[in-house]
N, C-alpha and C. Protein backbone atom coordinates (compact mmCIF):
# COMPACT_ATOMS: atom_id res chain seq x y z
N MET A 1 0.84 -1.17 0.00
CA MET A 1 0.00 0.00 0.00
C MET A 1 0.89 1.24 0.00
N LYS A 2 0.65 2.15 -0.90
CA LYS A 2 1.45 3.36 -0.99
C LYS A 2 0.90 4.38 -0.01
N GLN A 3 1.62 4.57 1.08
CA GLN A 3 1.16 5.44 2.17
C GLN A 3 1.00 6.88 1.71
N LYS A 4 1.89 7.35 0.82
CA LYS A 4 1.82 8.75 0.41
C LYS A 4 0.56 9.05 -0.40
N ASN A 5 -0.04 8.04 -1.02
CA ASN A 5 -1.22 8.24 -1.84
C ASN A 5 -2.53 7.98 -1.10
N ILE A 6 -2.43 7.56 0.14
CA ILE A 6 -3.63 7.16 0.87
C ILE A 6 -3.71 7.93 2.18
N LYS A 7 -4.89 8.51 2.42
CA LYS A 7 -5.10 9.16 3.72
C LYS A 7 -5.26 8.07 4.76
N LYS A 8 -4.76 8.33 5.92
CA LYS A 8 -4.94 7.39 7.00
C LYS A 8 -6.41 7.38 7.42
N SER A 9 -6.85 6.25 7.92
CA SER A 9 -8.26 6.10 8.29
C SER A 9 -8.70 7.14 9.32
N GLU A 10 -7.79 7.52 10.22
CA GLU A 10 -8.13 8.53 11.22
C GLU A 10 -8.45 9.87 10.56
N GLN A 11 -7.70 10.21 9.53
CA GLN A 11 -7.94 11.47 8.83
C GLN A 11 -9.25 11.42 8.05
N ILE A 12 -9.54 10.27 7.46
CA ILE A 12 -10.81 10.13 6.75
C ILE A 12 -11.97 10.27 7.71
N ALA A 13 -11.88 9.66 8.88
CA ALA A 13 -12.94 9.78 9.89
C ALA A 13 -13.10 11.24 10.31
N GLN A 14 -12.00 11.93 10.53
CA GLN A 14 -12.07 13.35 10.90
C GLN A 14 -12.70 14.17 9.78
N ASP A 15 -12.34 13.87 8.54
CA ASP A 15 -12.94 14.57 7.40
C ASP A 15 -14.45 14.36 7.35
N ILE A 16 -14.89 13.15 7.66
CA ILE A 16 -16.33 12.86 7.66
C ILE A 16 -17.03 13.67 8.75
N VAL A 17 -16.40 13.76 9.92
CA VAL A 17 -16.99 14.56 11.01
C VAL A 17 -17.11 16.02 10.57
N GLU A 18 -16.05 16.56 10.00
CA GLU A 18 -16.08 17.95 9.56
C GLU A 18 -17.10 18.16 8.44
N LEU A 19 -17.16 17.23 7.52
CA LEU A 19 -18.15 17.31 6.45
C LEU A 19 -19.56 17.30 7.03
N THR A 20 -19.81 16.41 7.96
CA THR A 20 -21.12 16.32 8.59
C THR A 20 -21.51 17.63 9.26
N LYS A 21 -20.56 18.23 9.95
CA LYS A 21 -20.83 19.51 10.60
C LYS A 21 -21.20 20.60 9.59
N SER A 22 -20.64 20.50 8.39
CA SER A 22 -20.85 21.55 7.39
C SER A 22 -22.16 21.40 6.61
N LEU A 23 -22.82 20.26 6.72
CA LEU A 23 -24.05 20.04 5.97
C LEU A 23 -25.20 20.79 6.61
N ASP A 24 -25.96 21.49 5.77
CA ASP A 24 -27.02 22.35 6.29
C ASP A 24 -28.43 21.83 6.05
N SER A 25 -28.58 20.88 5.15
CA SER A 25 -29.95 20.42 4.85
C SER A 25 -30.03 18.90 4.85
N GLN A 26 -31.24 18.43 5.02
CA GLN A 26 -31.49 16.99 4.99
C GLN A 26 -31.13 16.42 3.63
N GLN A 27 -31.38 17.18 2.57
CA GLN A 27 -31.07 16.72 1.21
C GLN A 27 -29.55 16.54 1.05
N GLU A 28 -28.77 17.51 1.51
CA GLU A 28 -27.31 17.39 1.45
C GLU A 28 -26.85 16.18 2.26
N LEU A 29 -27.44 16.00 3.43
CA LEU A 29 -27.07 14.89 4.29
C LEU A 29 -27.34 13.55 3.62
N LYS A 30 -28.52 13.41 3.03
CA LYS A 30 -28.87 12.15 2.36
C LYS A 30 -27.94 11.85 1.19
N LYS A 31 -27.65 12.85 0.37
CA LYS A 31 -26.75 12.65 -0.77
C LYS A 31 -25.36 12.24 -0.29
N THR A 32 -24.89 12.93 0.73
CA THR A 32 -23.57 12.63 1.27
C THR A 32 -23.53 11.23 1.87
N TRP A 33 -24.56 10.88 2.62
CA TRP A 33 -24.63 9.54 3.21
C TRP A 33 -24.59 8.46 2.15
N ARG A 34 -25.32 8.67 1.06
CA ARG A 34 -25.35 7.65 -0.01
C ARG A 34 -23.95 7.43 -0.59
N VAL A 35 -23.25 8.52 -0.85
CA VAL A 35 -21.91 8.40 -1.44
C VAL A 35 -20.94 7.74 -0.47
N ILE A 36 -20.95 8.18 0.78
CA ILE A 36 -20.04 7.60 1.77
C ILE A 36 -20.39 6.14 2.02
N ASN A 37 -21.67 5.83 2.08
CA ASN A 37 -22.11 4.45 2.27
C ASN A 37 -21.64 3.56 1.11
N MET A 38 -21.73 4.07 -0.11
CA MET A 38 -21.25 3.29 -1.27
C MET A 38 -19.74 3.04 -1.15
N ALA A 39 -19.00 4.04 -0.70
CA ALA A 39 -17.56 3.87 -0.53
C ALA A 39 -17.26 2.83 0.56
N MET A 40 -18.04 2.86 1.62
CA MET A 40 -17.87 1.88 2.70
C MET A 40 -18.21 0.46 2.21
N GLN A 41 -19.22 0.35 1.38
CA GLN A 41 -19.57 -0.95 0.82
C GLN A 41 -18.43 -1.47 -0.06
N TYR A 42 -17.82 -0.57 -0.81
CA TYR A 42 -16.68 -0.96 -1.64
C TYR A 42 -15.52 -1.45 -0.76
N LEU A 43 -15.24 -0.72 0.29
CA LEU A 43 -14.18 -1.11 1.23
C LEU A 43 -14.49 -2.47 1.85
N SER A 44 -15.72 -2.67 2.25
CA SER A 44 -16.13 -3.94 2.84
C SER A 44 -16.03 -5.08 1.83
N SER A 45 -16.41 -4.80 0.60
CA SER A 45 -16.32 -5.83 -0.45
C SER A 45 -14.88 -6.26 -0.68
N LYS A 46 -13.98 -5.29 -0.69
CA LYS A 46 -12.57 -5.63 -0.90
C LYS A 46 -12.05 -6.45 0.28
N ASP A 47 -12.45 -6.07 1.49
CA ASP A 47 -12.05 -6.84 2.67
C ASP A 47 -12.58 -8.27 2.57
N ASP A 48 -13.86 -8.41 2.19
CA ASP A 48 -14.44 -9.75 2.02
C ASP A 48 -13.68 -10.56 0.97
N TYR A 49 -13.34 -9.91 -0.14
CA TYR A 49 -12.61 -10.57 -1.21
C TYR A 49 -11.26 -11.11 -0.69
N LEU A 50 -10.52 -10.24 0.00
CA LEU A 50 -9.21 -10.65 0.48
C LEU A 50 -9.32 -11.74 1.55
N THR A 51 -10.32 -11.64 2.41
CA THR A 51 -10.53 -12.67 3.43
C THR A 51 -10.89 -13.99 2.78
N ASN A 52 -11.80 -13.97 1.81
CA ASN A 52 -12.20 -15.20 1.13
C ASN A 52 -11.05 -15.80 0.34
N GLU A 53 -10.26 -14.96 -0.29
CA GLU A 53 -9.09 -15.46 -1.03
C GLU A 53 -8.14 -16.19 -0.08
N LYS A 54 -7.86 -15.59 1.06
CA LYS A 54 -6.99 -16.21 2.06
C LYS A 54 -7.56 -17.54 2.53
N ASN A 55 -8.86 -17.56 2.83
CA ASN A 55 -9.50 -18.78 3.32
C ASN A 55 -9.46 -19.89 2.27
N VAL A 56 -9.71 -19.54 1.02
CA VAL A 56 -9.68 -20.55 -0.05
C VAL A 56 -8.28 -21.10 -0.22
N LEU A 57 -7.29 -20.23 -0.23
CA LEU A 57 -5.91 -20.70 -0.39
C LEU A 57 -5.49 -21.59 0.77
N GLU A 58 -5.91 -21.26 1.98
CA GLU A 58 -5.62 -22.12 3.13
C GLU A 58 -6.29 -23.48 2.99
N LYS A 59 -7.54 -23.49 2.54
CA LYS A 59 -8.28 -24.74 2.37
C LYS A 59 -7.62 -25.60 1.28
N VAL A 60 -7.21 -24.99 0.19
CA VAL A 60 -6.53 -25.73 -0.88
C VAL A 60 -5.24 -26.34 -0.35
N LYS A 61 -4.48 -25.60 0.43
CA LYS A 61 -3.25 -26.12 1.02
C LYS A 61 -3.55 -27.30 1.93
N GLU A 62 -4.58 -27.17 2.76
CA GLU A 62 -4.98 -28.27 3.65
C GLU A 62 -5.32 -29.52 2.84
N MET A 63 -6.06 -29.32 1.75
CA MET A 63 -6.46 -30.46 0.92
C MET A 63 -5.24 -31.13 0.28
N LYS A 64 -4.31 -30.31 -0.21
CA LYS A 64 -3.09 -30.84 -0.82
C LYS A 64 -2.26 -31.60 0.21
N ASP A 65 -2.13 -31.01 1.41
CA ASP A 65 -1.36 -31.67 2.47
C ASP A 65 -2.01 -32.99 2.86
N ALA A 66 -3.34 -33.01 2.95
CA ALA A 66 -4.05 -34.25 3.32
C ALA A 66 -3.84 -35.31 2.26
N LYS A 67 -3.87 -34.88 1.00
CA LYS A 67 -3.68 -35.83 -0.09
C LYS A 67 -2.26 -36.40 -0.07
N LYS A 68 -1.28 -35.58 0.25
CA LYS A 68 0.10 -36.06 0.37
C LYS A 68 0.22 -37.08 1.49
N GLU A 69 -0.44 -36.79 2.61
CA GLU A 69 -0.39 -37.72 3.76
C GLU A 69 -1.06 -39.04 3.42
N GLU A 70 -2.10 -39.01 2.64
CA GLU A 70 -2.78 -40.25 2.23
C GLU A 70 -1.87 -41.09 1.35
N GLY A 71 -1.05 -40.43 0.56
CA GLY A 71 -0.14 -41.12 -0.34
C GLY A 71 1.04 -41.75 0.37
N ASN A 72 1.34 -41.32 1.57
CA ASN A 72 2.49 -41.85 2.32
C ASN A 72 2.14 -43.10 3.09
């Protein structure tokens, strides 16, 4: 991960707080919530993808190891 290109999560949270304080209408709030929520869903999806990839690779390794043990 390139740190110089990515804001730290603490800064993003602070930015959201400041943005929230600056919103004056329910309409602005709803639009902002939708966009931030979509970004959070994207972040969650990537986390799920990486977690599932790790789990699958571990399971494949377990299966290969078990098959090797059966052959011995």
